[in-house]
Amino acid sequence: MKKNMGNADRMIRIILAVVFAALYFTGTVQGTLGLVLVILGGVFLLTSFVSFCPLYAIVGLNTCPTKKTT
């Protein structure tokens, strides 16, 4: 897998995952919506740790900065 996520994208995903988990575990969001947010947060964490998003690959996005060779 070739990296397709930049650092800013990864940090945003980690922050969202923490917010989703906090909303669920404090009881602010419950039921089906809460479970969907927890699962989405898990996916965000996984993709940010491996720096690869399958959806980005399908759509053709790449937020990873390119290295210049001189």
C-alpha atoms as a PDB file:
ATOM      1  CA  MET A   1       0.000   0.000   0.000  1.00  0.00           C
ATOM      2  CA  LYS A   2       1.342   3.363  -1.005  1.00  0.00           C
ATOM      3  CA  LYS A   3       0.724   6.167   1.497  1.00  0.00           C
ATOM      4  CA  ASN A   4      -1.959   8.602   0.375  1.00  0.00           C
ATOM      5  CA  MET A   5      -2.622  10.598   3.555  1.00  0.00           C
ATOM      6  CA  GLY A   6      -0.704  13.636   4.782  1.00  0.00           C
ATOM      7  CA  ASN A   7       0.004  14.540   8.403  1.00  0.00           C
ATOM      8  CA  ALA A   8      -2.782  17.130   8.648  1.00  0.00           C
ATOM      9  CA  ASP A   9      -5.317  14.614   7.338  1.00  0.00           C
ATOM     10  CA  ARG A  10      -4.108  12.000   9.814  1.00  0.00           C
ATOM     11  CA  MET A  11      -4.345  14.391  12.776  1.00  0.00           C
ATOM     12  CA  ILE A  12      -7.871  15.474  11.833  1.00  0.00           C
ATOM     13  CA  ARG A  13      -8.950  11.827  11.687  1.00  0.00           C
ATOM     14  CA  ILE A  14      -7.408  11.056  15.081  1.00  0.00           C
ATOM     15  CA  ILE A  15      -9.106  14.072  16.671  1.00  0.00           C
ATOM     16  CA  LEU A  16     -12.472  13.078  15.159  1.00  0.00           C
ATOM     17  CA  ALA A  17     -12.043   9.511  16.415  1.00  0.00           C
ATOM     18  CA  VAL A  18     -11.387  10.772  19.944  1.00  0.00           C
ATOM     19  CA  VAL A  19     -14.421  13.089  19.774  1.00  0.00           C
ATOM     20  CA  PHE A  20     -16.655  10.261  18.497  1.00  0.00           C
ATOM     21  CA  ALA A  21     -15.449   7.946  21.276  1.00  0.00           C
ATOM     22  CA  ALA A  22     -15.991  10.641  23.922  1.00  0.00           C
ATOM     23  CA  LEU A  23     -19.520  11.327  22.676  1.00  0.00           C
ATOM     24  CA  TYR A  24     -20.380   7.636  22.792  1.00  0.00           C
ATOM     25  CA  PHE A  25     -18.766   6.695  26.093  1.00  0.00           C
ATOM     26  CA  THR A  26     -20.146   9.730  27.949  1.00  0.00           C
ATOM     27  CA  GLY A  27     -23.645   8.784  26.815  1.00  0.00           C
ATOM     28  CA  THR A  28     -24.193  11.934  24.749  1.00  0.00           C
ATOM     29  CA  VAL A  29     -24.843   9.876  21.620  1.00  0.00           C
ATOM     30  CA  GLN A  30     -26.505   6.495  22.037  1.00  0.00           C
ATOM     31  CA  GLY A  31     -28.126   3.757  20.033  1.00  0.00           C
ATOM     32  CA  THR A  32     -27.474   3.123  16.371  1.00  0.00           C
ATOM     33  CA  LEU A  33     -25.931   6.536  15.746  1.00  0.00           C
ATOM     34  CA  GLY A  34     -23.523   5.999  18.620  1.00  0.00           C
ATOM     35  CA  LEU A  35     -22.405   2.632  17.276  1.00  0.00           C
ATOM     36  CA  VAL A  36     -21.961   4.062  13.789  1.00  0.00           C
ATOM     37  CA  LEU A  37     -19.783   6.859  15.200  1.00  0.00           C
ATOM     38  CA  VAL A  38     -17.651   4.403  17.197  1.00  0.00           C
ATOM     39  CA  ILE A  39     -17.128   2.201  14.133  1.00  0.00           C
ATOM     40  CA  LEU A  40     -16.327   5.244  11.988  1.00  0.00           C
ATOM     41  CA  GLY A  41     -13.882   6.429  14.645  1.00  0.00           C
ATOM     42  CA  GLY A  42     -12.189   3.017  14.587  1.00  0.00           C
ATOM     43  CA  VAL A  43     -11.860   3.184  10.819  1.00  0.00           C
ATOM     44  CA  PHE A  44     -10.428   6.709  11.114  1.00  0.00           C
ATOM     45  CA  LEU A  45      -7.839   5.497  13.646  1.00  0.00           C
ATOM     46  CA  LEU A  46      -6.864   2.492  11.549  1.00  0.00           C
ATOM     47  CA  THR A  47      -6.475   4.480   8.343  1.00  0.00           C
ATOM     48  CA  SER A  48      -4.512   7.226  10.083  1.00  0.00           C
ATOM     49  CA  PHE A  49      -2.071   4.724  11.624  1.00  0.00           C
ATOM     50  CA  VAL A  50      -1.339   3.062   8.278  1.00  0.00           C
ATOM     51  CA  SER A  51      -1.488   6.374   6.323  1.00  0.00           C
ATOM     52  CA  PHE A  52      -3.656   4.780   3.670  1.00  0.00           C
ATOM     53  CA  CYS A  53      -7.312   5.413   2.905  1.00  0.00           C
ATOM     54  CA  PRO A  54      -8.972   2.980   0.478  1.00  0.00           C
ATOM     55  CA  LEU A  55     -11.628   5.554  -0.400  1.00  0.00           C
ATOM     56  CA  TYR A  56      -8.913   8.030  -1.390  1.00  0.00           C
ATOM     57  CA  ALA A  57      -7.382   5.371  -3.646  1.00  0.00           C
ATOM     58  CA  ILE A  58     -10.732   4.747  -5.365  1.00  0.00           C
ATOM     59  CA  VAL A  59     -11.435   8.449  -5.860  1.00  0.00           C
ATOM     60  CA  GLY A  60      -7.842   9.273  -6.760  1.00  0.00           C
ATOM     61  CA  LEU A  61      -7.076  11.660  -3.891  1.00  0.00           C
ATOM     62  CA  ASN A  62      -3.638  11.975  -2.357  1.00  0.00           C
ATOM     63  CA  THR A  63      -2.955  14.369   0.543  1.00  0.00           C
ATOM     64  CA  CYS A  64       0.522  12.991   1.153  1.00  0.00           C
ATOM     65  CA  PRO A  65       3.178  15.581   0.288  1.00  0.00           C
ATOM     66  CA  THR A  66       5.484  14.637  -2.542  1.00  0.00           C
ATOM     67  CA  LYS A  67       9.215  14.531  -2.030  1.00  0.00           C
ATOM     68  CA  LYS A  68      11.271  16.560  -4.472  1.00  0.00           C
ATOM     69  CA  THR A  69      14.396  14.995  -5.892  1.00  0.00           C
ATOM     70  CA  THR A  70      17.193  17.235  -7.036  1.00  0.00           C
END
